[in-house]
């Protein structure tokens, strides 16, 4: 059943088809939730190049005004070719196997097992005495396999910070189970919608973004895409500006307690609101985050 803007999508699809545009509706039985666009053009130098846009938010001019999202515009061949293979999967149900979509993580093909592998890798790093930490930002966390993996990682020594806007059935701060896990929710002027996943991976951090939450419907029952961010400037902005701002927020943040309830974050004298600072940063690119107290 269509809901939210999906009814509008159906209407537009019919109008496009009536105008002669070829419209594909995705794989039967799976909602297409990934946010992808692919453009192939002949550049001024005469070469054909592909450009891909991969995002966390809907292509919707209304929600774009009050949702927070991030996206990547790239011409890296390894990514544009993988996006092209995802479109072949969505339009023709062509599936050449899990490795065909690398370096993307794609649901329902590889995403669930890939996330479990990344969490497991941090667990092994911690057991070996190497740096191990996970920072993940998303809308919801209710997938039991993922929660069990996070509990195991915490018990192994992985430090875990979760920025979960909505539903979260994991319980942080329980001795012997999740005492290294912290969960916070940011409720501000804009609806938090971006999904960002950072893994310390010893001394070789990796960061990903995409359309999927850690929910069963996203991992197993939808078409989703999570992409790596390898450009150093972009990766640094995600980790050191966006994620760091949300972890520092002491104005709009609520901290989950072991019993599942929430309390306000302890506020410093100056106070720090992530969304306010990110708006300032957008207007003043040279603006620096105030020092932590």
C-alpha atoms as a PDB file:
ATOM      1  CA  UNK A   1       0.000   0.000   0.000  1.00  0.00           C
ATOM      2  CA  UNK A   2       1.396   3.366  -0.967  1.00  0.00           C
ATOM      3  CA  UNK A   3       2.029   5.794   1.888  1.00  0.00           C
ATOM      4  CA  UNK A   4       3.725   9.128   2.368  1.00  0.00           C
ATOM      5  CA  UNK A   5       5.129  10.200  -1.008  1.00  0.00           C
ATOM      6  CA  UNK A   6       4.789   6.746  -2.587  1.00  0.00           C
ATOM      7  CA  UNK A   7       1.298   7.535  -3.866  1.00  0.00           C
ATOM      8  CA  UNK A   8       2.830  10.512  -5.659  1.00  0.00           C
ATOM      9  CA  UNK A   9       5.548   8.233  -7.060  1.00  0.00           C
ATOM     10  CA  UNK A  10       2.912   5.957  -8.556  1.00  0.00           C
ATOM     11  CA  UNK A  11       1.088   8.904 -10.136  1.00  0.00           C
ATOM     12  CA  UNK A  12       4.295  10.266 -11.632  1.00  0.00           C
ATOM     13  CA  UNK A  13       5.279   6.831 -12.922  1.00  0.00           C
ATOM     14  CA  UNK A  14       1.973   6.577 -14.787  1.00  0.00           C
ATOM     15  CA  UNK A  15       2.366  10.065 -16.240  1.00  0.00           C
ATOM     16  CA  UNK A  16       5.911   9.271 -17.388  1.00  0.00           C
ATOM     17  CA  UNK A  17       4.763   6.018 -18.977  1.00  0.00           C
ATOM     18  CA  UNK A  18       1.929   7.820 -20.728  1.00  0.00           C
ATOM     19  CA  UNK A  19       4.535  10.248 -22.128  1.00  0.00           C
ATOM     20  CA  UNK A  20       6.618   7.362 -23.489  1.00  0.00           C
ATOM     21  CA  UNK A  21       9.283   7.111 -20.773  1.00  0.00           C
ATOM     22  CA  UNK A  22      10.410   3.606 -19.836  1.00  0.00           C
ATOM     23  CA  UNK A  23       9.782   3.191 -16.106  1.00  0.00           C
ATOM     24  CA  UNK A  24      10.943   0.243 -13.992  1.00  0.00           C
ATOM     25  CA  UNK A  25       9.278  -0.510 -10.676  1.00  0.00           C
ATOM     26  CA  UNK A  26      11.975  -2.625  -9.062  1.00  0.00           C
ATOM     27  CA  UNK A  27      11.954  -6.228  -7.907  1.00  0.00           C
ATOM     28  CA  UNK A  28       8.560  -7.720  -7.122  1.00  0.00           C
ATOM     29  CA  UNK A  29       8.067  -8.149  -3.374  1.00  0.00           C
ATOM     30  CA  UNK A  30      10.839  -5.735  -2.367  1.00  0.00           C
ATOM     31  CA  UNK A  31      10.455  -2.046  -1.708  1.00  0.00           C
ATOM     32  CA  UNK A  32      13.181  -0.073  -3.460  1.00  0.00           C
ATOM     33  CA  UNK A  33      14.577   2.161  -0.724  1.00  0.00           C
ATOM     34  CA  UNK A  34      18.079   2.931  -2.025  1.00  0.00           C
ATOM     35  CA  UNK A  35      18.749   6.461  -3.280  1.00  0.00           C
ATOM     36  CA  UNK A  36      20.787   6.272  -6.477  1.00  0.00           C
ATOM     37  CA  UNK A  37      21.181   8.224  -9.683  1.00  0.00           C
ATOM     38  CA  UNK A  38      23.505   7.454 -12.593  1.00  0.00           C
ATOM     39  CA  UNK A  39      24.404   9.748 -15.474  1.00  0.00           C
ATOM     40  CA  UNK A  40      26.524   8.783 -18.479  1.00  0.00           C
ATOM     41  CA  UNK A  41      27.706  11.617 -20.685  1.00  0.00           C
ATOM     42  CA  UNK A  42      30.347  12.501 -23.222  1.00  0.00           C
ATOM     43  CA  UNK A  43      32.628  15.059 -21.603  1.00  0.00           C
ATOM     44  CA  UNK A  44      34.277  17.967 -23.451  1.00  0.00           C
ATOM     45  CA  UNK A  45      37.447  15.912 -23.896  1.00  0.00           C
ATOM     46  CA  UNK A  46      35.439  13.412 -25.933  1.00  0.00           C
ATOM     47  CA  UNK A  47      35.486  10.645 -23.294  1.00  0.00           C
ATOM     48  CA  UNK A  48      32.366   8.884 -22.059  1.00  0.00           C
ATOM     49  CA  UNK A  49      32.176   9.050 -18.269  1.00  0.00           C
ATOM     50  CA  UNK A  50      29.730   7.897 -15.662  1.00  0.00           C
ATOM     51  CA  UNK A  51      28.717   9.992 -12.656  1.00  0.00           C
ATOM     52  CA  UNK A  52      26.857   8.501  -9.711  1.00  0.00           C
ATOM     53  CA  UNK A  53      24.936  10.123  -6.887  1.00  0.00           C
ATOM     54  CA  UNK A  54      24.435   7.965  -3.789  1.00  0.00           C
ATOM     55  CA  UNK A  55      22.516   9.308  -0.834  1.00  0.00           C
ATOM     56  CA  UNK A  56      20.729   8.726   2.428  1.00  0.00           C
ATOM     57  CA  UNK A  57      17.645  10.828   1.640  1.00  0.00           C
ATOM     58  CA  UNK A  58      14.720  10.737  -0.740  1.00  0.00           C
ATOM     59  CA  UNK A  59      14.729  12.753  -3.957  1.00  0.00           C
ATOM     60  CA  UNK A  60      11.968  14.908  -2.550  1.00  0.00           C
ATOM     61  CA  UNK A  61      12.169  18.730  -2.546  1.00  0.00           C
ATOM     62  CA  UNK A  62       9.747  18.997   0.363  1.00  0.00           C
ATOM     63  CA  UNK A  63      11.408  16.677   2.887  1.00  0.00           C
ATOM     64  CA  UNK A  64      14.830  17.970   1.793  1.00  0.00           C
ATOM     65  CA  UNK A  65      13.974  21.202   3.600  1.00  0.00           C
ATOM     66  CA  UNK A  66      13.585  19.618   7.026  1.00  0.00           C
ATOM     67  CA  UNK A  67      15.444  16.273   6.919  1.00  0.00           C
ATOM     68  CA  UNK A  68      19.181  16.006   7.536  1.00  0.00           C
ATOM     69  CA  UNK A  69      20.871  13.875   4.891  1.00  0.00           C
ATOM     70  CA  UNK A  70      24.223  13.369   3.211  1.00  0.00           C
ATOM     71  CA  UNK A  71      25.120  12.213  -0.277  1.00  0.00           C
ATOM     72  CA  UNK A  72      28.113  11.431  -2.440  1.00  0.00           C
ATOM     73  CA  UNK A  73      28.615  12.600  -6.025  1.00  0.00           C
ATOM     74  CA  UNK A  74      31.399  10.576  -7.604  1.00  0.00           C
ATOM     75  CA  UNK A  75      33.007   9.609 -10.889  1.00  0.00           C
ATOM     76  CA  UNK A  76      35.142   6.833  -9.405  1.00  0.00           C
ATOM     77  CA  UNK A  77      34.811   3.947 -11.885  1.00  0.00           C
ATOM     78  CA  UNK A  78      34.659   1.274  -9.177  1.00  0.00           C
ATOM     79  CA  UNK A  79      31.592   2.983  -7.708  1.00  0.00           C
ATOM     80  CA  UNK A  80      29.822   4.007 -10.917  1.00  0.00           C
ATOM     81  CA  UNK A  81      30.235   0.512 -12.350  1.00  0.00           C
ATOM     82  CA  UNK A  82      28.825  -1.001  -9.151  1.00  0.00           C
ATOM     83  CA  UNK A  83      25.852   1.402  -9.277  1.00  0.00           C
ATOM     84  CA  UNK A  84      25.240   0.334 -12.863  1.00  0.00           C
ATOM     85  CA  UNK A  85      25.146  -3.298 -11.737  1.00  0.00           C
ATOM     86  CA  UNK A  86      22.637  -2.397  -9.001  1.00  0.00           C
ATOM     87  CA  UNK A  87      20.391  -0.827 -11.645  1.00  0.00           C
ATOM     88  CA  UNK A  88      20.677  -3.983 -13.740  1.00  0.00           C
ATOM     89  CA  UNK A  89      19.604  -5.919 -10.661  1.00  0.00           C
ATOM     90  CA  UNK A  90      16.631  -3.608 -10.070  1.00  0.00           C
ATOM     91  CA  UNK A  91      15.470  -3.462 -13.669  1.00  0.00           C
ATOM     92  CA  UNK A  92      16.087  -7.014 -14.853  1.00  0.00           C
ATOM     93  CA  UNK A  93      16.548  -8.961 -11.597  1.00  0.00           C
ATOM     94  CA  UNK A  94      20.034  -9.723 -12.895  1.00  0.00           C
ATOM     95  CA  UNK A  95      22.184 -10.964 -10.025  1.00  0.00           C
ATOM     96  CA  UNK A  96      25.748 -12.033 -10.702  1.00  0.00           C
ATOM     97  CA  UNK A  97      26.427 -12.868  -7.063  1.00  0.00           C
ATOM     98  CA  UNK A  98      27.501 -10.932  -3.978  1.00  0.00           C
ATOM     99  CA  UNK A  99      30.915  -9.902  -5.285  1.00  0.00           C
ATOM    100  CA  UNK A 100      29.399  -8.186  -8.334  1.00  0.00           C
ATOM    101  CA  UNK A 101      28.320  -5.174  -6.274  1.00  0.00           C
ATOM    102  CA  UNK A 102      31.603  -4.478  -4.494  1.00  0.00           C
ATOM    103  CA  UNK A 103      32.545  -2.026  -3.063  1.00  0.00           C
ATOM    104  CA  UNK A 104      28.831  -1.376  -2.372  1.00  0.00           C
ATOM    105  CA  UNK A 105      26.862  -3.299   0.234  1.00  0.00           C
ATOM    106  CA  UNK A 106      23.463  -4.174  -1.198  1.00  0.00           C
ATOM    107  CA  UNK A 107      20.313  -5.527   0.439  1.00  0.00           C
ATOM    108  CA  UNK A 108      18.856  -8.072   0.252  1.00  0.00           C
ATOM    109  CA  UNK A 109      22.025  -9.625  -1.217  1.00  0.00           C
ATOM    110  CA  UNK A 110      25.012  -8.759   0.993  1.00  0.00           C
ATOM    111  CA  UNK A 111      24.140  -5.957   3.410  1.00  0.00           C
ATOM    112  CA  UNK A 112      23.209  -7.958   6.529  1.00  0.00           C
ATOM    113  CA  UNK A 113      26.222 -10.266   6.369  1.00  0.00           C
ATOM    114  CA  UNK A 114      28.545  -7.380   5.500  1.00  0.00           C
ATOM    115  CA  UNK A 115      27.515  -5.361   8.558  1.00  0.00           C
ATOM    116  CA  UNK A 116      27.890  -8.415  10.796  1.00  0.00           C
ATOM    117  CA  UNK A 117      31.355  -8.983   9.327  1.00  0.00           C
ATOM    118  CA  UNK A 118      32.382  -5.372  10.012  1.00  0.00           C
ATOM    119  CA  UNK A 119      31.187  -5.607  13.626  1.00  0.00           C
ATOM    120  CA  UNK A 120      32.931  -8.973  13.946  1.00  0.00           C
ATOM    121  CA  UNK A 121      36.159  -7.479  12.626  1.00  0.00           C
ATOM    122  CA  UNK A 122      36.094  -4.820  15.359  1.00  0.00           C
ATOM    123  CA  UNK A 123      35.498  -7.589  17.881  1.00  0.00           C
ATOM    124  CA  UNK A 124      38.611  -9.433  16.699  1.00  0.00           C
ATOM    125  CA  UNK A 125      40.656  -6.228  16.799  1.00  0.00           C
ATOM    126  CA  UNK A 126      39.630  -5.690  20.422  1.00  0.00           C
ATOM    127  CA  UNK A 127      40.490  -9.257  21.380  1.00  0.00           C
ATOM    128  CA  UNK A 128      43.933  -8.784  19.822  1.00  0.00           C
ATOM    129  CA  UNK A 129      44.518  -5.562  21.733  1.00  0.00           C
ATOM    130  CA  UNK A 130      44.235  -3.318  18.679  1.00  0.00           C
ATOM    131  CA  UNK A 131      42.171  -0.089  18.559  1.00  0.00           C
ATOM    132  CA  UNK A 132      38.505  -0.969  18.118  1.00  0.00           C
ATOM    133  CA  UNK A 133      35.549   1.382  18.056  1.00  0.00           C
ATOM    134  CA  UNK A 134      32.224   1.724  16.240  1.00  0.00           C
ATOM    135  CA  UNK A 135      30.233   4.918  15.721  1.00  0.00           C
ATOM    136  CA  UNK A 136      26.902   4.423  13.942  1.00  0.00           C
ATOM    137  CA  UNK A 137      24.147   6.922  13.193  1.00  0.00           C
ATOM    138  CA  UNK A 138      20.748   5.819  11.897  1.00  0.00           C
ATOM    139  CA  UNK A 139      17.000   6.049  12.354  1.00  0.00           C
ATOM    140  CA  UNK A 140      16.424   2.773  14.188  1.00  0.00           C
ATOM    141  CA  UNK A 141      18.134  -0.317  15.590  1.00  0.00           C
ATOM    142  CA  UNK A 142      15.938  -3.360  16.158  1.00  0.00           C
ATOM    143  CA  UNK A 143      17.585  -6.234  14.221  1.00  0.00           C
ATOM    144  CA  UNK A 144      18.332  -8.990  16.743  1.00  0.00           C
ATOM    145  CA  UNK A 145      21.374 -10.440  14.951  1.00  0.00           C
ATOM    146  CA  UNK A 146      22.987  -7.023  14.761  1.00  0.00           C
ATOM    147  CA  UNK A 147      22.213  -6.307  18.417  1.00  0.00           C
ATOM    148  CA  UNK A 148      23.721  -9.635  19.488  1.00  0.00           C
ATOM    149  CA  UNK A 149      26.855  -8.834  17.464  1.00  0.00           C
ATOM    150  CA  UNK A 150      27.117  -5.421  19.162  1.00  0.00           C
ATOM    151  CA  UNK A 151      26.736  -7.017  22.597  1.00  0.00           C
ATOM    152  CA  UNK A 152      29.526  -9.481  21.751  1.00  0.00           C
ATOM    153  CA  UNK A 153      31.711  -6.626  20.510  1.00  0.00           C
ATOM    154  CA  UNK A 154      31.154  -4.678  23.725  1.00  0.00           C
ATOM    155  CA  UNK A 155      32.085  -7.692  25.827  1.00  0.00           C
ATOM    156  CA  UNK A 156      35.278  -8.095  23.758  1.00  0.00           C
ATOM    157  CA  UNK A 157      36.302  -4.501  24.474  1.00  0.00           C
ATOM    158  CA  UNK A 158      34.952  -2.504  21.522  1.00  0.00           C
ATOM    159  CA  UNK A 159      33.837   1.031  22.398  1.00  0.00           C
ATOM    160  CA  UNK A 160      30.492   1.686  20.679  1.00  0.00           C
ATOM    161  CA  UNK A 161      28.630   4.968  20.242  1.00  0.00           C
ATOM    162  CA  UNK A 162      25.189   4.780  18.652  1.00  0.00           C
ATOM    163  CA  UNK A 163      23.252   7.844  17.508  1.00  0.00           C
ATOM    164  CA  UNK A 164      19.734   6.466  17.057  1.00  0.00           C
ATOM    165  CA  UNK A 165      16.941   8.924  16.328  1.00  0.00           C
ATOM    166  CA  UNK A 166      14.027   6.577  16.949  1.00  0.00           C
ATOM    167  CA  UNK A 167      13.427   2.950  17.912  1.00  0.00           C
ATOM    168  CA  UNK A 168      16.252   1.137  19.664  1.00  0.00           C
ATOM    169  CA  UNK A 169      15.743  -2.247  21.329  1.00  0.00           C
ATOM    170  CA  UNK A 170      19.392  -2.575  22.348  1.00  0.00           C
ATOM    171  CA  UNK A 171      20.003  -1.713  26.003  1.00  0.00           C
ATOM    172  CA  UNK A 172      23.257   0.118  26.743  1.00  0.00           C
ATOM    173  CA  UNK A 173      25.309   0.267  29.912  1.00  0.00           C
ATOM    174  CA  UNK A 174      24.420  -3.161  31.332  1.00  0.00           C
ATOM    175  CA  UNK A 175      27.376  -4.612  33.233  1.00  0.00           C
ATOM    176  CA  UNK A 176      28.875  -7.634  31.524  1.00  0.00           C
ATOM    177  CA  UNK A 177      26.676  -7.216  28.449  1.00  0.00           C
ATOM    178  CA  UNK A 178      26.752  -3.702  27.026  1.00  0.00           C
ATOM    179  CA  UNK A 179      28.748  -1.537  29.429  1.00  0.00           C
ATOM    180  CA  UNK A 180      30.865  -0.198  26.527  1.00  0.00           C
ATOM    181  CA  UNK A 181      27.816   0.825  24.477  1.00  0.00           C
ATOM    182  CA  UNK A 182      26.321   4.322  24.592  1.00  0.00           C
ATOM    183  CA  UNK A 183      23.083   5.330  22.833  1.00  0.00           C
ATOM    184  CA  UNK A 184      21.925   8.896  22.204  1.00  0.00           C
ATOM    185  CA  UNK A 185      19.057  10.466  20.282  1.00  0.00           C
ATOM    186  CA  UNK A 186      19.089  13.967  18.800  1.00  0.00           C
ATOM    187  CA  UNK A 187      15.715  15.725  18.563  1.00  0.00           C
ATOM    188  CA  UNK A 188      16.145  19.163  17.043  1.00  0.00           C
ATOM    189  CA  UNK A 189      14.773  21.548  14.459  1.00  0.00           C
ATOM    190  CA  UNK A 190      15.420  19.094  11.630  1.00  0.00           C
ATOM    191  CA  UNK A 191      14.506  15.424  11.455  1.00  0.00           C
ATOM    192  CA  UNK A 192      17.674  13.329  11.670  1.00  0.00           C
ATOM    193  CA  UNK A 193      17.693  11.057   8.651  1.00  0.00           C
ATOM    194  CA  UNK A 194      21.305  10.404   7.595  1.00  0.00           C
ATOM    195  CA  UNK A 195      22.880   6.998   8.140  1.00  0.00           C
ATOM    196  CA  UNK A 196      26.636   6.964   8.755  1.00  0.00           C
ATOM    197  CA  UNK A 197      28.754   4.019   9.935  1.00  0.00           C
ATOM    198  CA  UNK A 198      32.367   4.386  11.130  1.00  0.00           C
ATOM    199  CA  UNK A 199      34.634   1.473  12.038  1.00  0.00           C
ATOM    200  CA  UNK A 200      38.059   2.091  13.550  1.00  0.00           C
ATOM    201  CA  UNK A 201      39.493  -1.129  12.073  1.00  0.00           C
ATOM    202  CA  UNK A 202      42.720  -0.973  14.062  1.00  0.00           C
ATOM    203  CA  UNK A 203      44.681   1.870  12.524  1.00  0.00           C
ATOM    204  CA  UNK A 204      42.793   1.869   9.185  1.00  0.00           C
ATOM    205  CA  UNK A 205      39.381   3.478   9.766  1.00  0.00           C
ATOM    206  CA  UNK A 206      36.564   2.922   7.272  1.00  0.00           C
ATOM    207  CA  UNK A 207      33.364   4.920   6.937  1.00  0.00           C
ATOM    208  CA  UNK A 208      30.149   4.150   5.084  1.00  0.00           C
ATOM    209  CA  UNK A 209      26.837   5.851   4.421  1.00  0.00           C
ATOM    210  CA  UNK A 210      23.594   4.852   2.760  1.00  0.00           C
ATOM    211  CA  UNK A 211      19.875   4.284   2.970  1.00  0.00           C
ATOM    212  CA  UNK A 212      19.580   1.421   5.468  1.00  0.00           C
ATOM    213  CA  UNK A 213      18.882   1.271   9.177  1.00  0.00           C
ATOM    214  CA  UNK A 214      19.777  -1.742  11.296  1.00  0.00           C
ATOM    215  CA  UNK A 215      16.264  -3.150  11.010  1.00  0.00           C
ATOM    216  CA  UNK A 216      15.167  -6.488   9.580  1.00  0.00           C
ATOM    217  CA  UNK A 217      13.081  -4.815   6.881  1.00  0.00           C
ATOM    218  CA  UNK A 218      16.084  -2.783   5.672  1.00  0.00           C
ATOM    219  CA  UNK A 219      18.609  -5.611   5.852  1.00  0.00           C
ATOM    220  CA  UNK A 220      16.494  -8.427   4.404  1.00  0.00           C
ATOM    221  CA  UNK A 221      13.237  -7.149   2.916  1.00  0.00           C
ATOM    222  CA  UNK A 222      14.158  -4.064   0.858  1.00  0.00           C
ATOM    223  CA  UNK A 223      16.540  -3.011  -1.878  1.00  0.00           C
ATOM    224  CA  UNK A 224      19.127  -0.884  -0.076  1.00  0.00           C
ATOM    225  CA  UNK A 225      22.625   0.390  -0.821  1.00  0.00           C
ATOM    226  CA  UNK A 226      25.396   1.396   1.598  1.00  0.00           C
ATOM    227  CA  UNK A 227      28.517   2.892   0.053  1.00  0.00           C
ATOM    228  CA  UNK A 228      32.099   3.483   1.261  1.00  0.00           C
ATOM    229  CA  UNK A 229      33.460   7.024   1.488  1.00  0.00           C
ATOM    230  CA  UNK A 230      37.143   6.785   0.575  1.00  0.00           C
ATOM    231  CA  UNK A 231      37.966  10.382  -0.316  1.00  0.00           C
ATOM    232  CA  UNK A 232      39.956  11.692   2.656  1.00  0.00           C
ATOM    233  CA  UNK A 233      38.290  15.111   2.751  1.00  0.00           C
ATOM    234  CA  UNK A 234      34.768  13.661   2.582  1.00  0.00           C
ATOM    235  CA  UNK A 235      35.548  10.912   5.091  1.00  0.00           C
ATOM    236  CA  UNK A 236      37.042  13.455   7.492  1.00  0.00           C
ATOM    237  CA  UNK A 237      33.971  15.660   7.193  1.00  0.00           C
ATOM    238  CA  UNK A 238      31.666  12.765   8.044  1.00  0.00           C
ATOM    239  CA  UNK A 239      33.752  11.583  10.997  1.00  0.00           C
ATOM    240  CA  UNK A 240      35.323  14.731  12.439  1.00  0.00           C
ATOM    241  CA  UNK A 241      32.541  17.220  11.758  1.00  0.00           C
ATOM    242  CA  UNK A 242      29.166  15.486  11.511  1.00  0.00           C
ATOM    243  CA  UNK A 243      29.563  12.467  13.803  1.00  0.00           C
ATOM    244  CA  UNK A 244      31.729  14.403  16.247  1.00  0.00           C
ATOM    245  CA  UNK A 245      29.139  17.178  16.449  1.00  0.00           C
ATOM    246  CA  UNK A 246      26.376  14.721  17.326  1.00  0.00           C
ATOM    247  CA  UNK A 247      28.548  13.034  19.941  1.00  0.00           C
ATOM    248  CA  UNK A 248      29.317  16.436  21.477  1.00  0.00           C
ATOM    249  CA  UNK A 249      25.700  17.670  21.533  1.00  0.00           C
ATOM    250  CA  UNK A 250      24.602  18.481  25.080  1.00  0.00           C
ATOM    251  CA  UNK A 251      21.593  20.632  24.208  1.00  0.00           C
ATOM    252  CA  UNK A 252      19.263  18.469  22.121  1.00  0.00           C
ATOM    253  CA  UNK A 253      20.669  15.048  22.970  1.00  0.00           C
ATOM    254  CA  UNK A 254      18.849  12.445  25.058  1.00  0.00           C
ATOM    255  CA  UNK A 255      20.871   9.548  26.511  1.00  0.00           C
ATOM    256  CA  UNK A 256      19.351   6.081  26.725  1.00  0.00           C
ATOM    257  CA  UNK A 257      19.552   4.392  30.118  1.00  0.00           C
ATOM    258  CA  UNK A 258      19.915   0.634  30.783  1.00  0.00           C
ATOM    259  CA  UNK A 259      16.158   0.370  31.412  1.00  0.00           C
ATOM    260  CA  UNK A 260      15.343   1.870  27.996  1.00  0.00           C
ATOM    261  CA  UNK A 261      14.372   5.298  29.297  1.00  0.00           C
ATOM    262  CA  UNK A 262      16.034   8.549  28.247  1.00  0.00           C
ATOM    263  CA  UNK A 263      17.506  11.474  30.158  1.00  0.00           C
ATOM    264  CA  UNK A 264      18.855  14.776  28.899  1.00  0.00           C
ATOM    265  CA  UNK A 265      22.595  14.927  28.315  1.00  0.00           C
ATOM    266  CA  UNK A 266      24.486  16.841  31.018  1.00  0.00           C
ATOM    267  CA  UNK A 267      24.819  20.374  29.696  1.00  0.00           C
ATOM    268  CA  UNK A 268      28.002  22.412  29.766  1.00  0.00           C
ATOM    269  CA  UNK A 269      27.931  26.100  30.618  1.00  0.00           C
ATOM    270  CA  UNK A 270      28.179  27.146  26.957  1.00  0.00           C
ATOM    271  CA  UNK A 271      26.025  24.346  25.583  1.00  0.00           C
ATOM    272  CA  UNK A 272      26.560  22.777  22.167  1.00  0.00           C
ATOM    273  CA  UNK A 273      23.805  21.932  19.656  1.00  0.00           C
ATOM    274  CA  UNK A 274      24.979  19.848  16.699  1.00  0.00           C
ATOM    275  CA  UNK A 275      22.371  21.065  14.221  1.00  0.00           C
ATOM    276  CA  UNK A 276      22.982  24.710  15.067  1.00  0.00           C
ATOM    277  CA  UNK A 277      26.720  24.300  14.629  1.00  0.00           C
ATOM    278  CA  UNK A 278      26.323  22.430  11.323  1.00  0.00           C
ATOM    279  CA  UNK A 279      24.125  25.267  10.015  1.00  0.00           C
ATOM    280  CA  UNK A 280      26.808  27.736  11.043  1.00  0.00           C
ATOM    281  CA  UNK A 281      29.425  25.553   9.362  1.00  0.00           C
ATOM    282  CA  UNK A 282      27.390  25.548   6.134  1.00  0.00           C
ATOM    283  CA  UNK A 283      27.325  29.357   6.069  1.00  0.00           C
ATOM    284  CA  UNK A 284      30.891  29.809   7.310  1.00  0.00           C
ATOM    285  CA  UNK A 285      33.111  27.050   5.871  1.00  0.00           C
ATOM    286  CA  UNK A 286      36.013  28.152   8.088  1.00  0.00           C
ATOM    287  CA  UNK A 287      33.985  27.901  11.296  1.00  0.00           C
ATOM    288  CA  UNK A 288      35.650  25.602  13.802  1.00  0.00           C
ATOM    289  CA  UNK A 289      33.975  23.431  16.388  1.00  0.00           C
ATOM    290  CA  UNK A 290      34.427  24.936  19.857  1.00  0.00           C
ATOM    291  CA  UNK A 291      36.841  23.034  22.103  1.00  0.00           C
ATOM    292  CA  UNK A 292      35.377  20.320  24.278  1.00  0.00           C
ATOM    293  CA  UNK A 293      35.075  21.117  27.968  1.00  0.00           C
END
